[in-house]
Amino acid sequence: MAEREGAREGRDRSPAGATATRPRTPRLDQPRPPRRRVLPEWDPEAFGRLSERIARFLGTGRFIVWMTVVIIVWVVWNVAAPDVVRFDSYPFIFLTLMLSLQASYAAPLILLAQNRQDDRDRVNLEQDRKQNERSIADTEYLTREIAALRAGLGEVATRDWIRSELQDLVRELETERTSRPPVRDADDR
């Protein structure tokens, strides 16, 4: 029985040397499993788009009209309604709290929307600058090519130059023909 326990102990022990099992370390060729997060995750682009939509709405006349209507209804309700249904008496502290809360959320959302717009403007400006540089380089290249063509055309016979030369030759031939007496053939004698 002791031999059996000794053999069993030998099997349970891990081998030593090159075949020993190493502690498990994460492999570098495989991605890590996702970790659990305590805080919820959100897409920053979706949040940015939402903030831009809110900021766009806050900057409209429609928002001002609706906000004015809500405040008027709030004040009229809390002044004219019976005491039992009033929820914010005269100094309107709850209304002030609501307006402060709205302003405290509106300001960062507007700033976030402005930052995103600044980033877009910066990217567009950089693209425009690169496009302008390419256009200037293309224009300079074409200017050099046109100058080289003009210089080359000075050495090439153009249609107008050939026409003027031919007209000069025709005039010379006509003047020679009219100034020289006609040549007689041997048969005319």
N, C-alpha and C. Protein backbone atom coordinates (compact mmCIF):
# COMPACT_ATOMS: atom_id res chain seq x y z
N MET A 1 0.81 -1.17 0.00
CA MET A 1 0.00 0.00 0.00
C MET A 1 0.87 1.25 0.00
N ALA A 2 1.97 1.21 0.72
CA ALA A 2 2.89 2.35 0.76
C ALA A 2 3.49 2.59 -0.60
N GLU A 3 3.74 1.46 -1.32
CA GLU A 3 4.29 1.62 -2.66
C GLU A 3 3.30 2.32 -3.58
N ARG A 4 2.03 1.96 -3.43
CA ARG A 4 1.00 2.59 -4.25
C ARG A 4 0.95 4.09 -3.97
N GLU A 5 0.99 4.48 -2.72
CA GLU A 5 0.94 5.90 -2.38
C GLU A 5 2.16 6.62 -2.90
N GLY A 6 3.33 5.98 -2.84
CA GLY A 6 4.55 6.58 -3.37
C GLY A 6 4.46 6.77 -4.87
N ALA A 7 3.91 5.79 -5.57
CA ALA A 7 3.76 5.89 -7.02
C ALA A 7 2.75 6.98 -7.36
N ARG A 8 1.71 7.02 -6.56
CA ARG A 8 0.70 8.05 -6.79
C ARG A 8 1.30 9.45 -6.57
N GLU A 9 2.10 9.59 -5.53
CA GLU A 9 2.75 10.88 -5.28
C GLU A 9 3.67 11.26 -6.42
N GLY A 10 4.36 10.29 -7.00
CA GLY A 10 5.27 10.56 -8.12
C GLY A 10 4.51 11.07 -9.33
N ARG A 11 3.32 10.54 -9.54
CA ARG A 11 2.51 11.00 -10.68
C ARG A 11 1.98 12.39 -10.44
N ASP A 12 1.64 12.71 -9.21
CA ASP A 12 1.06 14.00 -8.91
C ASP A 12 2.10 15.12 -8.97
N ARG A 13 3.35 14.78 -8.74
CA ARG A 13 4.40 15.80 -8.78
C ARG A 13 4.65 16.22 -10.21
N SER A 14 4.97 17.49 -10.37
CA SER A 14 5.28 17.95 -11.73
C SER A 14 6.72 17.63 -12.04
N PRO A 15 7.03 17.30 -13.29
CA PRO A 15 8.39 16.94 -13.66
C PRO A 15 9.30 18.15 -13.60
N ALA A 16 10.55 17.91 -13.35
CA ALA A 16 11.53 18.99 -13.28
C ALA A 16 12.31 19.05 -14.58
N GLY A 17 12.99 20.18 -14.79
CA GLY A 17 13.86 20.28 -15.97
C GLY A 17 13.14 20.93 -17.13
N ALA A 18 13.51 20.51 -18.35
CA ALA A 18 13.01 21.13 -19.57
C ALA A 18 11.52 20.90 -19.77
N THR A 19 11.01 19.79 -19.24
CA THR A 19 9.59 19.50 -19.45
C THR A 19 8.72 20.03 -18.34
N ALA A 20 9.30 20.81 -17.44
CA ALA A 20 8.51 21.34 -16.32
C ALA A 20 7.49 22.34 -16.85
N THR A 21 6.33 22.35 -16.26
CA THR A 21 5.31 23.30 -16.68
C THR A 21 5.64 24.67 -16.11
N ARG A 22 5.51 25.66 -16.93
CA ARG A 22 5.80 27.03 -16.52
C ARG A 22 4.51 27.69 -16.05
N PRO A 23 4.65 28.72 -15.25
CA PRO A 23 3.42 29.43 -14.87
C PRO A 23 2.80 30.07 -16.12
N ARG A 24 1.50 30.09 -16.16
CA ARG A 24 0.80 30.62 -17.35
C ARG A 24 1.00 32.11 -17.46
N THR A 25 1.64 32.53 -18.54
CA THR A 25 1.78 33.96 -18.85
C THR A 25 0.98 34.22 -20.11
N PRO A 26 0.47 35.41 -20.25
CA PRO A 26 -0.32 35.66 -21.46
C PRO A 26 0.56 35.59 -22.70
N ARG A 27 0.00 35.04 -23.74
CA ARG A 27 0.74 34.93 -25.00
C ARG A 27 0.67 36.26 -25.72
N LEU A 28 1.76 36.60 -26.37
CA LEU A 28 1.82 37.88 -27.07
C LEU A 28 1.18 37.83 -28.45
N ASP A 29 1.01 36.62 -28.99
CA ASP A 29 0.43 36.51 -30.32
C ASP A 29 -1.09 36.39 -30.31
N GLN A 30 -1.69 36.45 -29.14
CA GLN A 30 -3.15 36.36 -29.04
C GLN A 30 -3.67 37.55 -28.25
N PRO A 31 -4.81 38.07 -28.66
CA PRO A 31 -5.36 39.21 -27.91
C PRO A 31 -5.81 38.79 -26.52
N ARG A 32 -5.76 39.74 -25.63
CA ARG A 32 -6.22 39.49 -24.27
C ARG A 32 -7.74 39.37 -24.24
N PRO A 33 -8.24 38.56 -23.35
CA PRO A 33 -9.72 38.52 -23.23
C PRO A 33 -10.20 39.86 -22.68
N PRO A 34 -11.38 40.27 -23.06
CA PRO A 34 -11.89 41.56 -22.59
C PRO A 34 -12.06 41.56 -21.07
N ARG A 35 -11.66 42.66 -20.46
CA ARG A 35 -11.80 42.79 -19.01
C ARG A 35 -13.18 43.33 -18.69
N ARG A 36 -13.65 42.97 -17.55
CA ARG A 36 -14.93 43.51 -17.10
C ARG A 36 -14.72 44.93 -16.65
N ARG A 37 -15.64 45.79 -17.03
CA ARG A 37 -15.54 47.19 -16.66
C ARG A 37 -16.64 47.51 -15.65
N VAL A 38 -16.27 48.34 -14.70
CA VAL A 38 -17.24 48.74 -13.69
C VAL A 38 -18.13 49.84 -14.25
N LEU A 39 -17.51 50.79 -14.96
CA LEU A 39 -18.27 51.90 -15.53
C LEU A 39 -18.81 51.53 -16.91
N PRO A 40 -19.95 52.06 -17.28
CA PRO A 40 -20.47 51.76 -18.61
C PRO A 40 -19.61 52.42 -19.69
N GLU A 41 -19.58 51.81 -20.85
CA GLU A 41 -18.82 52.35 -21.97
C GLU A 41 -19.78 53.02 -22.94
N TRP A 42 -19.30 54.05 -23.63
CA TRP A 42 -20.10 54.73 -24.64
C TRP A 42 -19.20 55.12 -25.79
N ASP A 43 -19.82 55.28 -26.91
CA ASP A 43 -19.11 55.67 -28.12
C ASP A 43 -18.90 57.18 -28.09
N PRO A 44 -17.64 57.66 -28.07
CA PRO A 44 -17.42 59.10 -28.00
C PRO A 44 -17.96 59.84 -29.22
N GLU A 45 -17.95 59.19 -30.37
CA GLU A 45 -18.49 59.85 -31.57
C GLU A 45 -20.00 60.02 -31.46
N ALA A 46 -20.69 59.00 -30.96
CA ALA A 46 -22.14 59.10 -30.80
C ALA A 46 -22.47 60.18 -29.77
N PHE A 47 -21.71 60.23 -28.69
CA PHE A 47 -21.93 61.26 -27.67
C PHE A 47 -21.66 62.64 -28.26
N GLY A 48 -20.62 62.76 -29.07
CA GLY A 48 -20.31 64.04 -29.70
C GLY A 48 -21.39 64.49 -30.67
N ARG A 49 -21.91 63.53 -31.45
CA ARG A 49 -23.00 63.87 -32.38
C ARG A 49 -24.24 64.32 -31.61
N LEU A 50 -24.55 63.63 -30.52
CA LEU A 50 -25.69 64.01 -29.70
C LEU A 50 -25.49 65.41 -29.13
N SER A 51 -24.30 65.70 -28.64
CA SER A 51 -24.05 67.03 -28.08
C SER A 51 -24.16 68.12 -29.16
N GLU A 52 -23.74 67.81 -30.37
CA GLU A 52 -23.89 68.79 -31.45
C GLU A 52 -25.36 69.03 -31.78
N ARG A 53 -26.15 67.97 -31.78
CA ARG A 53 -27.58 68.15 -32.05
C ARG A 53 -28.24 68.98 -30.97
N ILE A 54 -27.88 68.72 -29.71
CA ILE A 54 -28.45 69.50 -28.60
C ILE A 54 -28.00 70.96 -28.70
N ALA A 55 -26.71 71.17 -28.96
CA ALA A 55 -26.19 72.54 -29.06
C ALA A 55 -26.84 73.28 -30.23
N ARG A 56 -27.06 72.56 -31.34
CA ARG A 56 -27.73 73.18 -32.48
C ARG A 56 -29.15 73.59 -32.12
N PHE A 57 -29.85 72.76 -31.32
CA PHE A 57 -31.21 73.09 -30.91
C PHE A 57 -31.21 74.25 -29.92
N LEU A 58 -30.22 74.26 -28.99
CA LEU A 58 -30.16 75.34 -28.00
C LEU A 58 -29.89 76.70 -28.66
N GLY A 59 -29.32 76.69 -29.83
CA GLY A 59 -29.01 77.95 -30.52
C GLY A 59 -30.10 78.42 -31.45
N THR A 60 -31.31 77.89 -31.34
CA THR A 60 -32.38 78.28 -32.25
C THR A 60 -33.41 79.15 -31.54
N GLY A 61 -34.18 79.85 -32.33
CA GLY A 61 -35.28 80.63 -31.79
C GLY A 61 -36.37 79.75 -31.22
N ARG A 62 -36.52 78.56 -31.78
CA ARG A 62 -37.54 77.63 -31.30
C ARG A 62 -37.29 77.28 -29.83
N PHE A 63 -36.01 77.05 -29.47
CA PHE A 63 -35.69 76.74 -28.08
C PHE A 63 -36.04 77.92 -27.18
N ILE A 64 -35.71 79.13 -27.61
CA ILE A 64 -36.00 80.32 -26.79
C ILE A 64 -37.52 80.46 -26.59
N VAL A 65 -38.29 80.24 -27.65
CA VAL A 65 -39.74 80.35 -27.54
C VAL A 65 -40.27 79.29 -26.58
N TRP A 66 -39.83 78.03 -26.73
CA TRP A 66 -40.31 76.96 -25.85
C TRP A 66 -39.89 77.21 -24.40
N MET A 67 -38.65 77.67 -24.22
CA MET A 67 -38.20 77.95 -22.86
C MET A 67 -39.03 79.07 -22.24
N THR A 68 -39.34 80.09 -23.01
CA THR A 68 -40.17 81.20 -22.52
C THR A 68 -41.57 80.71 -22.17
N VAL A 69 -42.14 79.87 -23.02
CA VAL A 69 -43.48 79.34 -22.75
C VAL A 69 -43.47 78.51 -21.47
N VAL A 70 -42.48 77.67 -21.28
CA VAL A 70 -42.40 76.84 -20.07
C VAL A 70 -42.29 77.71 -18.84
N ILE A 71 -41.45 78.74 -18.89
CA ILE A 71 -41.27 79.61 -17.72
C ILE A 71 -42.56 80.38 -17.41
N ILE A 72 -43.24 80.88 -18.45
CA ILE A 72 -44.50 81.61 -18.23
C ILE A 72 -45.55 80.69 -17.63
N VAL A 73 -45.68 79.48 -18.17
CA VAL A 73 -46.66 78.53 -17.63
C VAL A 73 -46.30 78.19 -16.18
N TRP A 74 -45.02 77.98 -15.90
CA TRP A 74 -44.56 77.66 -14.55
C TRP A 74 -44.94 78.77 -13.58
N VAL A 75 -44.63 80.02 -13.96
CA VAL A 75 -44.90 81.15 -13.06
C VAL A 75 -46.40 81.34 -12.89
N VAL A 76 -47.16 81.30 -13.99
CA VAL A 76 -48.61 81.50 -13.90
C VAL A 76 -49.24 80.40 -13.06
N TRP A 77 -48.81 79.16 -13.26
CA TRP A 77 -49.37 78.04 -12.48
C TRP A 77 -49.10 78.23 -10.99
N ASN A 78 -47.88 78.60 -10.65
CA ASN A 78 -47.52 78.71 -9.23
C ASN A 78 -48.00 80.01 -8.59
N VAL A 79 -48.53 80.95 -9.35
CA VAL A 79 -49.11 82.17 -8.79
C VAL A 79 -50.63 82.06 -8.76
N ALA A 80 -51.24 81.56 -9.84
CA ALA A 80 -52.69 81.58 -9.97
C ALA A 80 -53.38 80.30 -9.51
N ALA A 81 -52.69 79.20 -9.42
CA ALA A 81 -53.32 77.92 -9.05
C ALA A 81 -53.61 77.91 -7.55
N PRO A 82 -54.56 77.05 -7.13
CA PRO A 82 -54.84 76.93 -5.68
C PRO A 82 -53.59 76.44 -4.94
N ASP A 83 -53.51 76.76 -3.67
CA ASP A 83 -52.33 76.43 -2.86
C ASP A 83 -52.03 74.93 -2.83
N VAL A 84 -53.04 74.12 -2.99
CA VAL A 84 -52.85 72.67 -2.90
C VAL A 84 -52.04 72.14 -4.08
N VAL A 85 -52.22 72.69 -5.27
CA VAL A 85 -51.55 72.17 -6.47
C VAL A 85 -50.28 72.96 -6.83
N ARG A 86 -49.98 73.99 -6.10
CA ARG A 86 -48.74 74.73 -6.36
C ARG A 86 -47.55 73.86 -5.92
N PHE A 87 -46.51 73.84 -6.72
CA PHE A 87 -45.33 73.06 -6.35
C PHE A 87 -44.09 73.93 -6.17
N ASP A 88 -44.18 75.23 -6.51
CA ASP A 88 -43.05 76.15 -6.34
C ASP A 88 -43.60 77.53 -6.03
N SER A 89 -43.50 77.94 -4.77
CA SER A 89 -44.09 79.22 -4.38
C SER A 89 -43.22 80.39 -4.84
N TYR A 90 -43.66 81.60 -4.46
CA TYR A 90 -43.18 82.85 -5.05
C TYR A 90 -41.68 82.99 -5.33
N PRO A 91 -40.77 82.76 -4.48
CA PRO A 91 -39.39 83.03 -4.93
C PRO A 91 -38.95 82.09 -6.05
N PHE A 92 -39.78 81.11 -6.35
CA PHE A 92 -39.54 80.17 -7.47
C PHE A 92 -38.15 79.55 -7.40
N ILE A 93 -37.83 78.99 -6.26
CA ILE A 93 -36.52 78.38 -6.04
C ILE A 93 -36.35 77.14 -6.92
N PHE A 94 -37.41 76.36 -7.06
CA PHE A 94 -37.32 75.16 -7.90
C PHE A 94 -37.11 75.54 -9.37
N LEU A 95 -37.76 76.61 -9.83
CA LEU A 95 -37.56 77.09 -11.20
C LEU A 95 -36.10 77.53 -11.39
N THR A 96 -35.57 78.24 -10.40
CA THR A 96 -34.17 78.66 -10.47
C THR A 96 -33.26 77.45 -10.53
N LEU A 97 -33.56 76.44 -9.74
CA LEU A 97 -32.76 75.22 -9.76
C LEU A 97 -32.83 74.55 -11.12
N MET A 98 -34.01 74.47 -11.70
CA MET A 98 -34.16 73.84 -13.03
C MET A 98 -33.39 74.61 -14.10
N LEU A 99 -33.48 75.95 -14.06
CA LEU A 99 -32.76 76.76 -15.05
C LEU A 99 -31.25 76.63 -14.87
N SER A 100 -30.79 76.55 -13.61
CA SER A 100 -29.36 76.37 -13.36
C SER A 100 -28.90 75.00 -13.85
N LEU A 101 -29.72 74.00 -13.61
CA LEU A 101 -29.39 72.65 -14.08
C LEU A 101 -29.31 72.61 -15.60
N GLN A 102 -30.29 73.24 -16.25
CA GLN A 102 -30.28 73.29 -17.72
C GLN A 102 -29.04 74.01 -18.22
N ALA A 103 -28.67 75.12 -17.59
CA ALA A 103 -27.48 75.87 -18.01
C ALA A 103 -26.20 75.09 -17.73
N SER A 104 -26.17 74.35 -16.61
CA SER A 104 -24.96 73.60 -16.28
C SER A 104 -24.73 72.45 -17.26
N TYR A 105 -25.79 71.92 -17.85
CA TYR A 105 -25.62 70.89 -18.88
C TYR A 105 -25.42 71.49 -20.26
N ALA A 106 -26.05 72.62 -20.52
CA ALA A 106 -25.97 73.22 -21.85
C ALA A 106 -24.57 73.74 -22.14
N ALA A 107 -23.93 74.36 -21.17
CA ALA A 107 -22.61 74.97 -21.40
C ALA A 107 -21.57 73.94 -21.83
N PRO A 108 -21.40 72.81 -21.12
CA PRO A 108 -20.40 71.84 -21.58
C PRO A 108 -20.76 71.20 -22.92
N LEU A 109 -22.06 70.98 -23.15
CA LEU A 109 -22.45 70.41 -24.44
C LEU A 109 -22.12 71.36 -25.58
N ILE A 110 -22.36 72.65 -25.37
CA ILE A 110 -22.03 73.64 -26.40
C ILE A 110 -20.52 73.70 -26.61
N LEU A 111 -19.75 73.64 -25.52
CA LEU A 111 -18.30 73.64 -25.65
C LEU A 111 -17.79 72.41 -26.38
N LEU A 112 -18.38 71.26 -26.09
CA LEU A 112 -17.99 70.03 -26.77
C LEU A 112 -18.29 70.13 -28.27
N ALA A 113 -19.46 70.65 -28.60
CA ALA A 113 -19.81 70.83 -30.01
C ALA A 113 -18.87 71.81 -30.69
N GLN A 114 -18.49 72.88 -29.99
CA GLN A 114 -17.54 73.84 -30.58
C GLN A 114 -16.17 73.21 -30.78
N ASN A 115 -15.74 72.40 -29.83
CA ASN A 115 -14.44 71.72 -29.99
C ASN A 115 -14.45 70.78 -31.18
N ARG A 116 -15.55 70.04 -31.33
CA ARG A 116 -15.64 69.15 -32.49
C ARG A 116 -15.65 69.94 -33.79
N GLN A 117 -16.34 71.08 -33.81
CA GLN A 117 -16.36 71.91 -35.01
C GLN A 117 -14.97 72.48 -35.28
N ASP A 118 -14.25 72.88 -34.22
CA ASP A 118 -12.88 73.37 -34.40
C ASP A 118 -11.99 72.28 -34.99
N ASP A 119 -12.15 71.05 -34.52
CA ASP A 119 -11.36 69.94 -35.06
C ASP A 119 -11.66 69.73 -36.54
N ARG A 120 -12.95 69.77 -36.89
CA ARG A 120 -13.32 69.62 -38.31
C ARG A 120 -12.76 70.76 -39.14
N ASP A 121 -12.85 71.98 -38.61
CA ASP A 121 -12.32 73.14 -39.34
C ASP A 121 -10.81 73.03 -39.52
N ARG A 122 -10.12 72.54 -38.48
CA ARG A 122 -8.67 72.38 -38.57
C ARG A 122 -8.31 71.36 -39.65
N VAL A 123 -9.03 70.25 -39.71
CA VAL A 123 -8.77 69.24 -40.73
C VAL A 123 -9.05 69.81 -42.12
N ASN A 124 -10.18 70.51 -42.27
CA ASN A 124 -10.51 71.11 -43.56
C ASN A 124 -9.48 72.14 -43.98
N LEU A 125 -9.01 72.94 -43.03
CA LEU A 125 -8.00 73.95 -43.32
C LEU A 125 -6.71 73.29 -43.78
N GLU A 126 -6.33 72.22 -43.13
CA GLU A 126 -5.11 71.50 -43.53
C GLU A 126 -5.26 70.90 -44.93
N GLN A 127 -6.44 70.33 -45.21
CA GLN A 127 -6.68 69.78 -46.55
C GLN A 127 -6.66 70.89 -47.60
N ASP A 128 -7.27 72.03 -47.29
CA ASP A 128 -7.26 73.16 -48.23
C ASP A 128 -5.84 73.65 -48.46
N ARG A 129 -5.04 73.71 -47.39
CA ARG A 129 -3.67 74.18 -47.52
C ARG A 129 -2.86 73.23 -48.42
N LYS A 130 -3.04 71.93 -48.20
CA LYS A 130 -2.33 70.95 -49.05
C LYS A 130 -2.80 71.04 -50.50
N GLN A 131 -4.10 71.24 -50.71
CA GLN A 131 -4.63 71.37 -52.06
C GLN A 131 -4.06 72.62 -52.72
N ASN A 132 -3.98 73.72 -51.98
CA ASN A 132 -3.41 74.95 -52.52
C ASN A 132 -1.94 74.76 -52.88
N GLU A 133 -1.19 74.06 -52.04
CA GLU A 133 0.21 73.80 -52.34
C GLU A 133 0.35 72.97 -53.62
N ARG A 134 -0.52 71.96 -53.77
CA ARG A 134 -0.49 71.16 -55.00
C ARG A 134 -0.84 72.00 -56.21
N SER A 135 -1.84 72.86 -56.06
CA SER A 135 -2.24 73.72 -57.18
C SER A 135 -1.12 74.68 -57.56
N ILE A 136 -0.44 75.25 -56.57
CA ILE A 136 0.67 76.16 -56.86
C ILE A 136 1.80 75.40 -57.54
N ALA A 137 2.11 74.20 -57.06
CA ALA A 137 3.17 73.40 -57.68
C ALA A 137 2.80 73.04 -59.12
N ASP A 138 1.53 72.66 -59.35
CA ASP A 138 1.09 72.35 -60.71
C ASP A 138 1.17 73.58 -61.61
N THR A 139 0.77 74.74 -61.08
CA THR A 139 0.81 75.97 -61.87
C THR A 139 2.25 76.33 -62.22
N GLU A 140 3.15 76.21 -61.26
CA GLU A 140 4.56 76.50 -61.54
C GLU A 140 5.12 75.54 -62.57
N TYR A 141 4.77 74.27 -62.47
CA TYR A 141 5.24 73.30 -63.45
C TYR A 141 4.71 73.63 -64.84
N LEU A 142 3.42 73.93 -64.93
CA LEU A 142 2.85 74.27 -66.24
C LEU A 142 3.46 75.55 -66.79
N THR A 143 3.75 76.53 -65.92
CA THR A 143 4.39 77.76 -66.38
C THR A 143 5.77 77.47 -66.96
N ARG A 144 6.54 76.62 -66.28
CA ARG A 144 7.86 76.26 -66.81
C ARG A 144 7.73 75.53 -68.15
N GLU A 145 6.73 74.64 -68.24
CA GLU A 145 6.54 73.90 -69.49
C GLU A 145 6.17 74.84 -70.64
N ILE A 146 5.29 75.80 -70.36
CA ILE A 146 4.88 76.76 -71.40
C ILE A 146 6.08 77.61 -71.83
N ALA A 147 6.89 78.03 -70.86
CA ALA A 147 8.08 78.81 -71.19
C ALA A 147 9.04 77.98 -72.04
N ALA A 148 9.20 76.70 -71.73
CA ALA A 148 10.07 75.84 -72.52
C ALA A 148 9.50 75.66 -73.92
N LEU A 149 8.18 75.53 -74.04
CA LEU A 149 7.56 75.40 -75.37
C LEU A 149 7.74 76.67 -76.18
N ARG A 150 7.59 77.83 -75.55
CA ARG A 150 7.80 79.09 -76.27
C ARG A 150 9.23 79.21 -76.75
N ALA A 151 10.16 78.82 -75.89
CA ALA A 151 11.57 78.88 -76.30
C ALA A 151 11.81 77.90 -77.46
N GLY A 152 11.20 76.74 -77.39
CA GLY A 152 11.35 75.77 -78.47
C GLY A 152 10.68 76.22 -79.74
N LEU A 153 9.56 76.93 -79.62
CA LEU A 153 8.85 77.41 -80.81
C LEU A 153 9.63 78.49 -81.53
N GLY A 154 10.50 79.18 -80.83
CA GLY A 154 11.34 80.18 -81.50
C GLY A 154 12.24 79.53 -82.53
N GLU A 155 12.56 78.27 -82.34
CA GLU A 155 13.44 77.56 -83.27
C GLU A 155 12.65 76.73 -84.28
N VAL A 156 11.37 76.60 -84.13
CA VAL A 156 10.54 75.78 -85.01
C VAL A 156 9.78 76.68 -85.98
N ALA A 157 9.66 76.20 -87.18
CA ALA A 157 8.92 76.96 -88.19
C ALA A 157 7.43 76.85 -87.92
N THR A 158 6.78 77.98 -87.79
CA THR A 158 5.34 77.98 -87.56
C THR A 158 4.63 78.14 -88.89
N ARG A 159 3.36 77.93 -88.87
CA ARG A 159 2.54 78.04 -90.07
C ARG A 159 2.60 79.45 -90.64
N ASP A 160 2.51 80.47 -89.78
CA ASP A 160 2.56 81.86 -90.25
C ASP A 160 3.92 82.19 -90.86
N TRP A 161 4.98 81.70 -90.24
CA TRP A 161 6.31 81.98 -90.77
C TRP A 161 6.49 81.32 -92.13
N ILE A 162 6.05 80.06 -92.26
CA ILE A 162 6.17 79.37 -93.57
C ILE A 162 5.33 80.08 -94.61
N ARG A 163 4.14 80.52 -94.26
CA ARG A 163 3.27 81.23 -95.19
C ARG A 163 3.94 82.53 -95.68
N SER A 164 4.54 83.27 -94.75
CA SER A 164 5.19 84.53 -95.15
C SER A 164 6.40 84.25 -96.03
N GLU A 165 7.15 83.18 -95.71
CA GLU A 165 8.30 82.84 -96.55
C GLU A 165 7.87 82.44 -97.96
N LEU A 166 6.78 81.65 -98.03
CA LEU A 166 6.28 81.25 -99.35
C LEU A 166 5.77 82.45 -100.14
N GLN A 167 5.10 83.38 -99.47
CA GLN A 167 4.62 84.59 -100.15
C GLN A 167 5.80 85.41 -100.66
N ASP A 168 6.87 85.51 -99.88
CA ASP A 168 8.07 86.22 -100.33
C ASP A 168 8.67 85.55 -101.55
N LEU A 169 8.73 84.22 -101.58
CA LEU A 169 9.26 83.49 -102.73
C LEU A 169 8.40 83.70 -103.98
N VAL A 170 7.09 83.68 -103.77
CA VAL A 170 6.18 83.89 -104.92
C VAL A 170 6.41 85.29 -105.48
N ARG A 171 6.56 86.30 -104.66
CA ARG A 171 6.81 87.67 -105.13
C ARG A 171 8.14 87.76 -105.88
N GLU A 172 9.15 87.11 -105.31
CA GLU A 172 10.45 87.14 -105.99
C GLU A 172 10.37 86.49 -107.38
N LEU A 173 9.68 85.35 -107.45
CA LEU A 173 9.53 84.67 -108.74
C LEU A 173 8.75 85.54 -109.73
N GLU A 174 7.73 86.20 -109.27
CA GLU A 174 6.95 87.07 -110.17
C GLU A 174 7.78 88.26 -110.64
N THR A 175 8.55 88.84 -109.76
CA THR A 175 9.40 89.97 -110.19
C THR A 175 10.48 89.51 -111.15
N GLU A 176 11.05 88.34 -110.96
CA GLU A 176 12.05 87.83 -111.89
C GLU A 176 11.42 87.53 -113.23
N ARG A 177 10.24 86.97 -113.23
CA ARG A 177 9.57 86.63 -114.48
C ARG A 177 9.22 87.89 -115.28
N THR A 178 8.75 88.90 -114.62
CA THR A 178 8.37 90.12 -115.34
C THR A 178 9.60 90.93 -115.76
N SER A 179 10.66 90.85 -115.04
CA SER A 179 11.85 91.64 -115.41
C SER A 179 12.71 90.93 -116.44
N ARG A 180 12.67 89.67 -116.63
CA ARG A 180 13.46 88.93 -117.59
C ARG A 180 12.67 88.71 -118.87
N PRO A 181 13.33 88.86 -120.01
CA PRO A 181 12.62 88.61 -121.27
C PRO A 181 12.29 87.13 -121.41
N PRO A 182 11.24 86.83 -122.11
CA PRO A 182 10.85 85.42 -122.27
C PRO A 182 11.92 84.65 -123.06
N VAL A 183 12.14 83.44 -122.76
CA VAL A 183 13.12 82.58 -123.41
C VAL A 183 12.42 81.92 -124.59
N ARG A 184 13.15 81.92 -125.72
CA ARG A 184 12.57 81.33 -126.91
C ARG A 184 13.13 79.94 -127.11
N ASP A 185 12.27 79.08 -127.59
CA ASP A 185 12.68 77.72 -127.88
C ASP A 185 13.30 77.66 -129.27
N ALA A 186 13.97 76.62 -129.55
CA ALA A 186 14.59 76.44 -130.86
C ALA A 186 13.54 76.26 -131.90
N ASP A 187 12.39 75.77 -131.61
CA ASP A 187 11.33 75.56 -132.59
C ASP A 187 10.72 76.86 -133.02
N ASP A 188 10.74 77.89 -132.12
CA ASP A 188 10.11 79.17 -132.43
C ASP A 188 10.99 79.91 -133.43
N ARG A 189 12.20 79.64 -133.65
CA ARG A 189 13.05 80.35 -134.55
C ARG A 189 12.77 79.99 -135.91
